[in-house]
Amino acid sequence: DYVKESRLPYQVHDRHGLTHQELLQLMGKSAVYLGNSLSDGMPNTLLE
């Protein structure tokens, strides 16, 4: 909702919008990965 309301030119996928392989492919093309939380263990997405 925030991205839409702010008219930000970002590509957004909801929690079921990508398969695991599609996410890995995106990671393989990404310069930077951002993850942010107040509490966590060792996030698998970070390791990927």
ModelCIF file with pLDDT and N, C-alpha, C, O atoms, coordinates in Angstrom:
data_MODEL
#
_entry.id   MODEL 
#
_entity.id                         1 
_entity.type                       polymer 
_entity.pdbx_number_of_molecules   1 
#
_entity_poly.entity_id                      1 
_entity_poly.type                           'polypeptide(L)' 
_entity_poly.nstd_linkage                   no 
_entity_poly.nstd_monomer                   no 
_entity_poly.pdbx_seq_one_letter_code       DYVKESRLPYQVHDRHGLTHQELLQLMGKSAVYLGNSLSDGMPNTLLE 
_entity_poly.pdbx_seq_one_letter_code_can   DYVKESRLPYQVHDRHGLTHQELLQLMGKSAVYLGNSLSDGMPNTLLE 
_entity_poly.pdbx_strand_id                 A 
#
loop_
_entity_poly_seq.entity_id 
_entity_poly_seq.num 
_entity_poly_seq.mon_id 
_entity_poly_seq.hetero 
1 1  ASP n 
1 2  TYR n 
1 3  VAL n 
1 4  LYS n 
1 5  GLU n 
1 6  SER n 
1 7  ARG n 
1 8  LEU n 
1 9  PRO n 
1 10 TYR n 
1 11 GLN n 
1 12 VAL n 
1 13 HIS n 
1 14 ASP n 
1 15 ARG n 
1 16 HIS n 
1 17 GLY n 
1 18 LEU n 
1 19 THR n 
1 20 HIS n 
1 21 GLN n 
1 22 GLU n 
1 23 LEU n 
1 24 LEU n 
1 25 GLN n 
1 26 LEU n 
1 27 MET n 
1 28 GLY n 
1 29 LYS n 
1 30 SER n 
1 31 ALA n 
1 32 VAL n 
1 33 TYR n 
1 34 LEU n 
1 35 GLY n 
1 36 ASN n 
1 37 SER n 
1 38 LEU n 
1 39 SER n 
1 40 ASP n 
1 41 GLY n 
1 42 MET n 
1 43 PRO n 
1 44 ASN n 
1 45 THR n 
1 46 LEU n 
1 47 LEU n 
1 48 GLU n 
#
_struct_asym.id          A 
_struct_asym.entity_id   1 
#
loop_
_ma_qa_metric.id 
_ma_qa_metric.mode 
_ma_qa_metric.name 
_ma_qa_metric.software_group_id 
_ma_qa_metric.type 
1 global pLDDT . pLDDT 
2 local  pLDDT . pLDDT 
#
_ma_qa_metric_global.metric_id      1 
_ma_qa_metric_global.metric_value   96.00 
_ma_qa_metric_global.model_id       1 
_ma_qa_metric_global.ordinal_id     1 
#
loop_
_ma_qa_metric_local.label_asym_id 
_ma_qa_metric_local.label_comp_id 
_ma_qa_metric_local.label_seq_id 
_ma_qa_metric_local.metric_id 
_ma_qa_metric_local.metric_value 
_ma_qa_metric_local.model_id 
_ma_qa_metric_local.ordinal_id 
A ASP 1  2 98.00 1 1  
A TYR 2  2 98.00 1 2  
A VAL 3  2 98.00 1 3  
A LYS 4  2 98.00 1 4  
A GLU 5  2 98.00 1 5  
A SER 6  2 98.00 1 6  
A ARG 7  2 98.00 1 7  
A LEU 8  2 98.00 1 8  
A PRO 9  2 97.00 1 9  
A TYR 10 2 98.00 1 10 
A GLN 11 2 98.00 1 11 
A VAL 12 2 98.00 1 12 
A HIS 13 2 98.00 1 13 
A ASP 14 2 97.00 1 14 
A ARG 15 2 93.00 1 15 
A HIS 16 2 93.00 1 16 
A GLY 17 2 95.00 1 17 
A LEU 18 2 97.00 1 18 
A THR 19 2 96.00 1 19 
A HIS 20 2 95.00 1 20 
A GLN 21 2 95.00 1 21 
A GLU 22 2 97.00 1 22 
A LEU 23 2 97.00 1 23 
A LEU 24 2 97.00 1 24 
A GLN 25 2 97.00 1 25 
A LEU 26 2 98.00 1 26 
A MET 27 2 98.00 1 27 
A GLY 28 2 98.00 1 28 
A LYS 29 2 97.00 1 29 
A SER 30 2 98.00 1 30 
A ALA 31 2 98.00 1 31 
A VAL 32 2 98.00 1 32 
A TYR 33 2 98.00 1 33 
A LEU 34 2 98.00 1 34 
A GLY 35 2 98.00 1 35 
A ASN 36 2 98.00 1 36 
A SER 37 2 96.00 1 37 
A LEU 38 2 95.00 1 38 
A SER 39 2 88.00 1 39 
A ASP 40 2 82.00 1 40 
A GLY 41 2 86.00 1 41 
A MET 42 2 92.00 1 42 
A PRO 43 2 92.00 1 43 
A ASN 44 2 93.00 1 44 
A THR 45 2 95.00 1 45 
A LEU 46 2 97.00 1 46 
A LEU 47 2 96.00 1 47 
A GLU 48 2 97.00 1 48 
#
loop_
_atom_site.group_PDB 
_atom_site.id 
_atom_site.type_symbol 
_atom_site.label_atom_id 
_atom_site.label_alt_id 
_atom_site.label_comp_id 
_atom_site.label_asym_id 
_atom_site.label_entity_id 
_atom_site.label_seq_id 
_atom_site.pdbx_PDB_ins_code 
_atom_site.Cartn_x 
_atom_site.Cartn_y 
_atom_site.Cartn_z 
_atom_site.occupancy 
_atom_site.B_iso_or_equiv 
_atom_site.pdbx_formal_charge 
_atom_site.auth_seq_id 
_atom_site.auth_comp_id 
_atom_site.auth_asym_id 
_atom_site.auth_atom_id 
_atom_site.pdbx_PDB_model_num 
ATOM 1   N N  . ASP A 1 1  ? 0.829  -1.211  0.000   1.00 98.00 ? 1  ASP A N  1 
ATOM 2   C CA . ASP A 1 1  ? 0.000  0.000   0.000   1.00 98.00 ? 1  ASP A CA 1 
ATOM 3   C C  . ASP A 1 1  ? 0.861  1.257   0.000   1.00 98.00 ? 1  ASP A C  1 
ATOM 4   O O  . ASP A 1 1  ? 0.552  2.219   -0.703  1.00 98.00 ? 1  ASP A O  1 
ATOM 5   N N  . TYR A 1 2  ? 1.941  1.257   0.785   1.00 98.00 ? 2  TYR A N  1 
ATOM 6   C CA . TYR A 1 2  ? 2.800  2.438   0.872   1.00 98.00 ? 2  TYR A CA 1 
ATOM 7   C C  . TYR A 1 2  ? 3.460  2.734   -0.474  1.00 98.00 ? 2  TYR A C  1 
ATOM 8   O O  . TYR A 1 2  ? 3.521  3.888   -0.897  1.00 98.00 ? 2  TYR A O  1 
ATOM 9   N N  . VAL A 1 3  ? 3.945  1.708   -1.137  1.00 98.00 ? 3  VAL A N  1 
ATOM 10  C CA . VAL A 1 3  ? 4.590  1.894   -2.442  1.00 98.00 ? 3  VAL A CA 1 
ATOM 11  C C  . VAL A 1 3  ? 3.596  2.489   -3.441  1.00 98.00 ? 3  VAL A C  1 
ATOM 12  O O  . VAL A 1 3  ? 3.936  3.393   -4.203  1.00 98.00 ? 3  VAL A O  1 
ATOM 13  N N  . LYS A 1 4  ? 2.360  1.967   -3.427  1.00 98.00 ? 4  LYS A N  1 
ATOM 14  C CA . LYS A 1 4  ? 1.334  2.473   -4.341  1.00 98.00 ? 4  LYS A CA 1 
ATOM 15  C C  . LYS A 1 4  ? 0.969  3.914   -4.020  1.00 98.00 ? 4  LYS A C  1 
ATOM 16  O O  . LYS A 1 4  ? 0.911  4.757   -4.915  1.00 98.00 ? 4  LYS A O  1 
ATOM 17  N N  . GLU A 1 5  ? 0.722  4.199   -2.744  1.00 98.00 ? 5  GLU A N  1 
ATOM 18  C CA . GLU A 1 5  ? 0.295  5.542   -2.337  1.00 98.00 ? 5  GLU A CA 1 
ATOM 19  C C  . GLU A 1 5  ? 1.384  6.580   -2.591  1.00 98.00 ? 5  GLU A C  1 
ATOM 20  O O  . GLU A 1 5  ? 1.089  7.732   -2.910  1.00 98.00 ? 5  GLU A O  1 
ATOM 21  N N  . SER A 1 6  ? 2.638  6.170   -2.449  1.00 98.00 ? 6  SER A N  1 
ATOM 22  C CA . SER A 1 6  ? 3.759  7.086   -2.643  1.00 98.00 ? 6  SER A CA 1 
ATOM 23  C C  . SER A 1 6  ? 4.217  7.133   -4.091  1.00 98.00 ? 6  SER A C  1 
ATOM 24  O O  . SER A 1 6  ? 5.117  7.898   -4.439  1.00 98.00 ? 6  SER A O  1 
ATOM 25  N N  . ARG A 1 7  ? 3.592  6.307   -4.941  1.00 98.00 ? 7  ARG A N  1 
ATOM 26  C CA . ARG A 1 7  ? 3.916  6.239   -6.368  1.00 98.00 ? 7  ARG A CA 1 
ATOM 27  C C  . ARG A 1 7  ? 5.409  5.988   -6.604  1.00 98.00 ? 7  ARG A C  1 
ATOM 28  O O  . ARG A 1 7  ? 6.040  6.618   -7.453  1.00 98.00 ? 7  ARG A O  1 
ATOM 29  N N  . LEU A 1 8  ? 5.938  5.067   -5.840  1.00 98.00 ? 8  LEU A N  1 
ATOM 30  C CA . LEU A 1 8  ? 7.354  4.729   -5.979  1.00 98.00 ? 8  LEU A CA 1 
ATOM 31  C C  . LEU A 1 8  ? 7.538  3.757   -7.139  1.00 98.00 ? 8  LEU A C  1 
ATOM 32  O O  . LEU A 1 8  ? 6.729  2.843   -7.305  1.00 98.00 ? 8  LEU A O  1 
ATOM 33  N N  . PRO A 1 9  ? 8.573  3.933   -7.936  1.00 97.00 ? 9  PRO A N  1 
ATOM 34  C CA . PRO A 1 9  ? 8.773  3.095   -9.126  1.00 97.00 ? 9  PRO A CA 1 
ATOM 35  C C  . PRO A 1 9  ? 9.433  1.759   -8.793  1.00 97.00 ? 9  PRO A C  1 
ATOM 36  O O  . PRO A 1 9  ? 10.433 1.375   -9.398  1.00 97.00 ? 9  PRO A O  1 
ATOM 37  N N  . TYR A 1 10 ? 8.856  1.066   -7.827  1.00 98.00 ? 10 TYR A N  1 
ATOM 38  C CA . TYR A 1 10 ? 9.442  -0.190  -7.372  1.00 98.00 ? 10 TYR A CA 1 
ATOM 39  C C  . TYR A 1 10 ? 8.612  -1.363  -7.868  1.00 98.00 ? 10 TYR A C  1 
ATOM 40  O O  . TYR A 1 10 ? 7.388  -1.281  -7.965  1.00 98.00 ? 10 TYR A O  1 
ATOM 41  N N  . GLN A 1 11 ? 9.292  -2.445  -8.177  1.00 98.00 ? 11 GLN A N  1 
ATOM 42  C CA . GLN A 1 11 ? 8.614  -3.693  -8.519  1.00 98.00 ? 11 GLN A CA 1 
ATOM 43  C C  . GLN A 1 11 ? 8.337  -4.431  -7.209  1.00 98.00 ? 11 GLN A C  1 
ATOM 44  O O  . GLN A 1 11 ? 9.250  -4.675  -6.421  1.00 98.00 ? 11 GLN A O  1 
ATOM 45  N N  . VAL A 1 12 ? 7.072  -4.782  -6.984  1.00 98.00 ? 12 VAL A N  1 
ATOM 46  C CA . VAL A 1 12 ? 6.685  -5.375  -5.696  1.00 98.00 ? 12 VAL A CA 1 
ATOM 47  C C  . VAL A 1 12 ? 6.029  -6.731  -5.911  1.00 98.00 ? 12 VAL A C  1 
ATOM 48  O O  . VAL A 1 12 ? 5.140  -6.883  -6.750  1.00 98.00 ? 12 VAL A O  1 
ATOM 49  N N  . HIS A 1 13 ? 6.485  -7.716  -5.134  1.00 98.00 ? 13 HIS A N  1 
ATOM 50  C CA . HIS A 1 13 ? 5.895  -9.057  -5.140  1.00 98.00 ? 13 HIS A CA 1 
ATOM 51  C C  . HIS A 1 13 ? 5.394  -9.362  -3.734  1.00 98.00 ? 13 HIS A C  1 
ATOM 52  O O  . HIS A 1 13 ? 6.117  -9.185  -2.753  1.00 98.00 ? 13 HIS A O  1 
ATOM 53  N N  . ASP A 1 14 ? 4.156  -9.820  -3.647  1.00 97.00 ? 14 ASP A N  1 
ATOM 54  C CA . ASP A 1 14 ? 3.640  -10.167 -2.325  1.00 97.00 ? 14 ASP A CA 1 
ATOM 55  C C  . ASP A 1 14 ? 4.265  -11.466 -1.831  1.00 97.00 ? 14 ASP A C  1 
ATOM 56  O O  . ASP A 1 14 ? 5.152  -12.018 -2.482  1.00 97.00 ? 14 ASP A O  1 
ATOM 57  N N  . ARG A 1 15 ? 3.818  -11.942 -0.711  1.00 93.00 ? 15 ARG A N  1 
ATOM 58  C CA . ARG A 1 15 ? 4.478  -13.072 -0.043  1.00 93.00 ? 15 ARG A CA 1 
ATOM 59  C C  . ARG A 1 15 ? 4.384  -14.368 -0.845  1.00 93.00 ? 15 ARG A C  1 
ATOM 60  O O  . ARG A 1 15 ? 5.144  -15.304 -0.595  1.00 93.00 ? 15 ARG A O  1 
ATOM 61  N N  . HIS A 1 16 ? 3.468  -14.433 -1.799  1.00 93.00 ? 16 HIS A N  1 
ATOM 62  C CA . HIS A 1 16 ? 3.333  -15.633 -2.625  1.00 93.00 ? 16 HIS A CA 1 
ATOM 63  C C  . HIS A 1 16 ? 3.608  -15.333 -4.103  1.00 93.00 ? 16 HIS A C  1 
ATOM 64  O O  . HIS A 1 16 ? 3.254  -16.119 -4.983  1.00 93.00 ? 16 HIS A O  1 
ATOM 65  N N  . GLY A 1 17 ? 4.244  -14.187 -4.361  1.00 95.00 ? 17 GLY A N  1 
ATOM 66  C CA . GLY A 1 17 ? 4.405  -13.741 -5.734  1.00 95.00 ? 17 GLY A CA 1 
ATOM 67  C C  . GLY A 1 17 ? 5.558  -14.350 -6.500  1.00 95.00 ? 17 GLY A C  1 
ATOM 68  O O  . GLY A 1 17 ? 5.598  -14.257 -7.727  1.00 95.00 ? 17 GLY A O  1 
ATOM 69  N N  . LEU A 1 18 ? 6.497  -14.971 -5.809  1.00 97.00 ? 18 LEU A N  1 
ATOM 70  C CA . LEU A 1 18 ? 7.658  -15.554 -6.463  1.00 97.00 ? 18 LEU A CA 1 
ATOM 71  C C  . LEU A 1 18 ? 7.873  -16.986 -5.992  1.00 97.00 ? 18 LEU A C  1 
ATOM 72  O O  . LEU A 1 18 ? 7.663  -17.300 -4.820  1.00 97.00 ? 18 LEU A O  1 
ATOM 73  N N  . THR A 1 19 ? 8.288  -17.845 -6.902  1.00 96.00 ? 19 THR A N  1 
ATOM 74  C CA . THR A 1 19 ? 8.731  -19.167 -6.487  1.00 96.00 ? 19 THR A CA 1 
ATOM 75  C C  . THR A 1 19 ? 10.117 -19.037 -5.877  1.00 96.00 ? 19 THR A C  1 
ATOM 76  O O  . THR A 1 19 ? 10.772 -18.004 -6.017  1.00 96.00 ? 19 THR A O  1 
ATOM 77  N N  . HIS A 1 20 ? 10.555 -20.081 -5.206  1.00 95.00 ? 20 HIS A N  1 
ATOM 78  C CA . HIS A 1 20 ? 11.888 -20.045 -4.603  1.00 95.00 ? 20 HIS A CA 1 
ATOM 79  C C  . HIS A 1 20 ? 12.960 -19.875 -5.670  1.00 95.00 ? 20 HIS A C  1 
ATOM 80  O O  . HIS A 1 20 ? 13.918 -19.129 -5.467  1.00 95.00 ? 20 HIS A O  1 
ATOM 81  N N  . GLN A 1 21 ? 12.814 -20.545 -6.789  1.00 95.00 ? 21 GLN A N  1 
ATOM 82  C CA . GLN A 1 21 ? 13.796 -20.421 -7.861  1.00 95.00 ? 21 GLN A CA 1 
ATOM 83  C C  . GLN A 1 21 ? 13.807 -19.012 -8.444  1.00 95.00 ? 21 GLN A C  1 
ATOM 84  O O  . GLN A 1 21 ? 14.870 -18.476 -8.754  1.00 95.00 ? 21 GLN A O  1 
ATOM 85  N N  . GLU A 1 22 ? 12.641 -18.418 -8.592  1.00 97.00 ? 22 GLU A N  1 
ATOM 86  C CA . GLU A 1 22 ? 12.580 -17.054 -9.104  1.00 97.00 ? 22 GLU A CA 1 
ATOM 87  C C  . GLU A 1 22 ? 13.266 -16.075 -8.152  1.00 97.00 ? 22 GLU A C  1 
ATOM 88  O O  . GLU A 1 22 ? 13.922 -15.130 -8.587  1.00 97.00 ? 22 GLU A O  1 
ATOM 89  N N  . LEU A 1 23 ? 13.105 -16.314 -6.844  1.00 97.00 ? 23 LEU A N  1 
ATOM 90  C CA . LEU A 1 23 ? 13.768 -15.459 -5.868  1.00 97.00 ? 23 LEU A CA 1 
ATOM 91  C C  . LEU A 1 23 ? 15.286 -15.612 -5.950  1.00 97.00 ? 23 LEU A C  1 
ATOM 92  O O  . LEU A 1 23 ? 16.015 -14.622 -5.901  1.00 97.00 ? 23 LEU A O  1 
ATOM 93  N N  . LEU A 1 24 ? 15.759 -16.848 -6.073  1.00 97.00 ? 24 LEU A N  1 
ATOM 94  C CA . LEU A 1 24 ? 17.193 -17.072 -6.213  1.00 97.00 ? 24 LEU A CA 1 
ATOM 95  C C  . LEU A 1 24 ? 17.742 -16.390 -7.462  1.00 97.00 ? 24 LEU A C  1 
ATOM 96  O O  . LEU A 1 24 ? 18.832 -15.820 -7.434  1.00 97.00 ? 24 LEU A O  1 
ATOM 97  N N  . GLN A 1 25 ? 16.992 -16.449 -8.546  1.00 97.00 ? 25 GLN A N  1 
ATOM 98  C CA . GLN A 1 25 ? 17.423 -15.788 -9.775  1.00 97.00 ? 25 GLN A CA 1 
ATOM 99  C C  . GLN A 1 25 ? 17.534 -14.280 -9.572  1.00 97.00 ? 25 GLN A C  1 
ATOM 100 O O  . GLN A 1 25 ? 18.465 -13.650 -10.073 1.00 97.00 ? 25 GLN A O  1 
ATOM 101 N N  . LEU A 1 26 ? 16.588 -13.705 -8.837  1.00 98.00 ? 26 LEU A N  1 
ATOM 102 C CA . LEU A 1 26 ? 16.655 -12.276 -8.532  1.00 98.00 ? 26 LEU A CA 1 
ATOM 103 C C  . LEU A 1 26 ? 17.879 -11.961 -7.679  1.00 98.00 ? 26 LEU A C  1 
ATOM 104 O O  . LEU A 1 26 ? 18.581 -10.982 -7.931  1.00 98.00 ? 26 LEU A O  1 
ATOM 105 N N  . MET A 1 27 ? 18.132 -12.781 -6.680  1.00 98.00 ? 27 MET A N  1 
ATOM 106 C CA . MET A 1 27 ? 19.298 -12.578 -5.824  1.00 98.00 ? 27 MET A CA 1 
ATOM 107 C C  . MET A 1 27 ? 20.591 -12.620 -6.645  1.00 98.00 ? 27 MET A C  1 
ATOM 108 O O  . MET A 1 27 ? 21.529 -11.865 -6.393  1.00 98.00 ? 27 MET A O  1 
ATOM 109 N N  . GLY A 1 28 ? 20.616 -13.510 -7.622  1.00 98.00 ? 28 GLY A N  1 
ATOM 110 C CA . GLY A 1 28 ? 21.801 -13.655 -8.461  1.00 98.00 ? 28 GLY A CA 1 
ATOM 111 C C  . GLY A 1 28 ? 22.041 -12.478 -9.382  1.00 98.00 ? 28 GLY A C  1 
ATOM 112 O O  . GLY A 1 28 ? 23.119 -12.347 -9.961  1.00 98.00 ? 28 GLY A O  1 
ATOM 113 N N  . LYS A 1 29 ? 21.028 -11.611 -9.522  1.00 97.00 ? 29 LYS A N  1 
ATOM 114 C CA . LYS A 1 29 ? 21.156 -10.407 -10.352 1.00 97.00 ? 29 LYS A CA 1 
ATOM 115 C C  . LYS A 1 29 ? 21.214 -9.137  -9.506  1.00 97.00 ? 29 LYS A C  1 
ATOM 116 O O  . LYS A 1 29 ? 21.308 -8.034  -10.044 1.00 97.00 ? 29 LYS A O  1 
ATOM 117 N N  . SER A 1 30 ? 21.159 -9.293  -8.183  1.00 98.00 ? 30 SER A N  1 
ATOM 118 C CA . SER A 1 30 ? 21.070 -8.130  -7.297  1.00 98.00 ? 30 SER A CA 1 
ATOM 119 C C  . SER A 1 30 ? 22.444 -7.679  -6.812  1.00 98.00 ? 30 SER A C  1 
ATOM 120 O O  . SER A 1 30 ? 23.289 -8.492  -6.439  1.00 98.00 ? 30 SER A O  1 
ATOM 121 N N  . ALA A 1 31 ? 22.642 -6.368  -6.828  1.00 98.00 ? 31 ALA A N  1 
ATOM 122 C CA . ALA A 1 31 ? 23.876 -5.801  -6.281  1.00 98.00 ? 31 ALA A CA 1 
ATOM 123 C C  . ALA A 1 31 ? 23.811 -5.780  -4.763  1.00 98.00 ? 31 ALA A C  1 
ATOM 124 O O  . ALA A 1 31 ? 24.805 -6.042  -4.086  1.00 98.00 ? 31 ALA A O  1 
ATOM 125 N N  . VAL A 1 32 ? 22.619 -5.461  -4.226  1.00 98.00 ? 32 VAL A N  1 
ATOM 126 C CA . VAL A 1 32 ? 22.448 -5.286  -2.781  1.00 98.00 ? 32 VAL A CA 1 
ATOM 127 C C  . VAL A 1 32 ? 21.201 -6.027  -2.325  1.00 98.00 ? 32 VAL A C  1 
ATOM 128 O O  . VAL A 1 32 ? 20.176 -6.036  -3.007  1.00 98.00 ? 32 VAL A O  1 
ATOM 129 N N  . TYR A 1 33 ? 21.310 -6.651  -1.150  1.00 98.00 ? 33 TYR A N  1 
ATOM 130 C CA . TYR A 1 33 ? 20.155 -7.289  -0.506  1.00 98.00 ? 33 TYR A CA 1 
ATOM 131 C C  . TYR A 1 33 ? 19.904 -6.584  0.817   1.00 98.00 ? 33 TYR A C  1 
ATOM 132 O O  . TYR A 1 33 ? 20.838 -6.349  1.583   1.00 98.00 ? 33 TYR A O  1 
ATOM 133 N N  . LEU A 1 34 ? 18.643 -6.242  1.091   1.00 98.00 ? 34 LEU A N  1 
ATOM 134 C CA . LEU A 1 34 ? 18.276 -5.558  2.330   1.00 98.00 ? 34 LEU A CA 1 
ATOM 135 C C  . LEU A 1 34 ? 17.291 -6.398  3.143   1.00 98.00 ? 34 LEU A C  1 
ATOM 136 O O  . LEU A 1 34 ? 16.251 -6.819  2.636   1.00 98.00 ? 34 LEU A O  1 
ATOM 137 N N  . GLY A 1 35 ? 17.634 -6.634  4.410   1.00 98.00 ? 35 GLY A N  1 
ATOM 138 C CA . GLY A 1 35 ? 16.735 -7.319  5.334   1.00 98.00 ? 35 GLY A CA 1 
ATOM 139 C C  . GLY A 1 35 ? 16.761 -6.601  6.670   1.00 98.00 ? 35 GLY A C  1 
ATOM 140 O O  . GLY A 1 35 ? 17.821 -6.180  7.132   1.00 98.00 ? 35 GLY A O  1 
ATOM 141 N N  . ASN A 1 36 ? 15.588 -6.457  7.300   1.00 98.00 ? 36 ASN A N  1 
ATOM 142 C CA . ASN A 1 36 ? 15.529 -5.627  8.506   1.00 98.00 ? 36 ASN A CA 1 
ATOM 143 C C  . ASN A 1 36 ? 14.456 -6.135  9.457   1.00 98.00 ? 36 ASN A C  1 
ATOM 144 O O  . ASN A 1 36 ? 13.289 -6.251  9.082   1.00 98.00 ? 36 ASN A O  1 
ATOM 145 N N  . SER A 1 37 ? 14.854 -6.439  10.692  1.00 96.00 ? 37 SER A N  1 
ATOM 146 C CA . SER A 1 37 ? 13.881 -6.897  11.686  1.00 96.00 ? 37 SER A CA 1 
ATOM 147 C C  . SER A 1 37 ? 14.371 -6.558  13.087  1.00 96.00 ? 37 SER A C  1 
ATOM 148 O O  . SER A 1 37 ? 15.548 -6.265  13.297  1.00 96.00 ? 37 SER A O  1 
ATOM 149 N N  . LEU A 1 38 ? 13.445 -6.603  14.041  1.00 95.00 ? 38 LEU A N  1 
ATOM 150 C CA . LEU A 1 38 ? 13.774 -6.321  15.437  1.00 95.00 ? 38 LEU A CA 1 
ATOM 151 C C  . LEU A 1 38 ? 14.201 -7.568  16.179  1.00 95.00 ? 38 LEU A C  1 
ATOM 152 O O  . LEU A 1 38 ? 14.848 -7.478  17.222  1.00 95.00 ? 38 LEU A O  1 
ATOM 153 N N  . SER A 1 39 ? 13.848 -8.734  15.655  1.00 88.00 ? 39 SER A N  1 
ATOM 154 C CA . SER A 1 39 ? 14.165 -9.991  16.319  1.00 88.00 ? 39 SER A CA 1 
ATOM 155 C C  . SER A 1 39 ? 14.274 -11.088 15.278  1.00 88.00 ? 39 SER A C  1 
ATOM 156 O O  . SER A 1 39 ? 13.406 -11.225 14.416  1.00 88.00 ? 39 SER A O  1 
ATOM 157 N N  . ASP A 1 40 ? 15.347 -11.871 15.359  1.00 82.00 ? 40 ASP A N  1 
ATOM 158 C CA . ASP A 1 40 ? 15.527 -12.930 14.367  1.00 82.00 ? 40 ASP A CA 1 
ATOM 159 C C  . ASP A 1 40 ? 16.656 -13.845 14.813  1.00 82.00 ? 40 ASP A C  1 
ATOM 160 O O  . ASP A 1 40 ? 17.463 -13.501 15.676  1.00 82.00 ? 40 ASP A O  1 
ATOM 161 N N  . GLY A 1 41 ? 16.686 -15.020 14.196  1.00 86.00 ? 41 GLY A N  1 
ATOM 162 C CA . GLY A 1 41 ? 17.839 -15.892 14.332  1.00 86.00 ? 41 GLY A CA 1 
ATOM 163 C C  . GLY A 1 41 ? 18.754 -15.607 13.154  1.00 86.00 ? 41 GLY A C  1 
ATOM 164 O O  . GLY A 1 41 ? 19.006 -14.446 12.830  1.00 86.00 ? 41 GLY A O  1 
ATOM 165 N N  . MET A 1 42 ? 19.253 -16.658 12.509  1.00 92.00 ? 42 MET A N  1 
ATOM 166 C CA . MET A 1 42 ? 20.049 -16.490 11.295  1.00 92.00 ? 42 MET A CA 1 
ATOM 167 C C  . MET A 1 42 ? 19.112 -16.664 10.108  1.00 92.00 ? 42 MET A C  1 
ATOM 168 O O  . MET A 1 42 ? 18.728 -17.792 9.802   1.00 92.00 ? 42 MET A O  1 
ATOM 169 N N  . PRO A 1 43 ? 18.729 -15.584 9.429   1.00 92.00 ? 43 PRO A N  1 
ATOM 170 C CA . PRO A 1 43 ? 17.721 -15.683 8.364   1.00 92.00 ? 43 PRO A CA 1 
ATOM 171 C C  . PRO A 1 43 ? 18.228 -16.486 7.160   1.00 92.00 ? 43 PRO A C  1 
ATOM 172 O O  . PRO A 1 43 ? 19.311 -16.214 6.640   1.00 92.00 ? 43 PRO A O  1 
ATOM 173 N N  . ASN A 1 44 ? 17.450 -17.461 6.727   1.00 93.00 ? 44 ASN A N  1 
ATOM 174 C CA . ASN A 1 44 ? 17.841 -18.242 5.551   1.00 93.00 ? 44 ASN A CA 1 
ATOM 175 C C  . ASN A 1 44 ? 17.929 -17.375 4.304   1.00 93.00 ? 44 ASN A C  1 
ATOM 176 O O  . ASN A 1 44 ? 18.785 -17.604 3.450   1.00 93.00 ? 44 ASN A O  1 
ATOM 177 N N  . THR A 1 45 ? 17.043 -16.371 4.188   1.00 95.00 ? 45 THR A N  1 
ATOM 178 C CA . THR A 1 45 ? 17.097 -15.509 3.011   1.00 95.00 ? 45 THR A CA 1 
ATOM 179 C C  . THR A 1 45 ? 18.405 -14.726 2.970   1.00 95.00 ? 45 THR A C  1 
ATOM 180 O O  . THR A 1 45 ? 18.944 -14.479 1.892   1.00 95.00 ? 45 THR A O  1 
ATOM 181 N N  . LEU A 1 46 ? 18.918 -14.335 4.130   1.00 97.00 ? 46 LEU A N  1 
ATOM 182 C CA . LEU A 1 46 ? 20.218 -13.669 4.176   1.00 97.00 ? 46 LEU A CA 1 
ATOM 183 C C  . LEU A 1 46 ? 21.308 -14.603 3.668   1.00 97.00 ? 46 LEU A C  1 
ATOM 184 O O  . LEU A 1 46 ? 22.139 -14.207 2.851   1.00 97.00 ? 46 LEU A O  1 
ATOM 185 N N  . LEU A 1 47 ? 21.304 -15.839 4.150   1.00 96.00 ? 47 LEU A N  1 
ATOM 186 C CA . LEU A 1 47 ? 22.329 -16.805 3.735   1.00 96.00 ? 47 LEU A CA 1 
ATOM 187 C C  . LEU A 1 47 ? 22.226 -17.090 2.243   1.00 96.00 ? 47 LEU A C  1 
ATOM 188 O O  . LEU A 1 47 ? 23.242 -17.257 1.568   1.00 96.00 ? 47 LEU A O  1 
ATOM 189 N N  . GLU A 1 48 ? 21.006 -17.146 1.730   1.00 97.00 ? 48 GLU A N  1 
ATOM 190 C CA . GLU A 1 48 ? 20.833 -17.359 0.293   1.00 97.00 ? 48 GLU A CA 1 
ATOM 191 C C  . GLU A 1 48 ? 21.348 -16.166 -0.502  1.00 97.00 ? 48 GLU A C  1 
ATOM 192 O O  . GLU A 1 48 ? 21.284 -16.170 -1.732  1.00 97.00 ? 48 GLU A O  1 
#
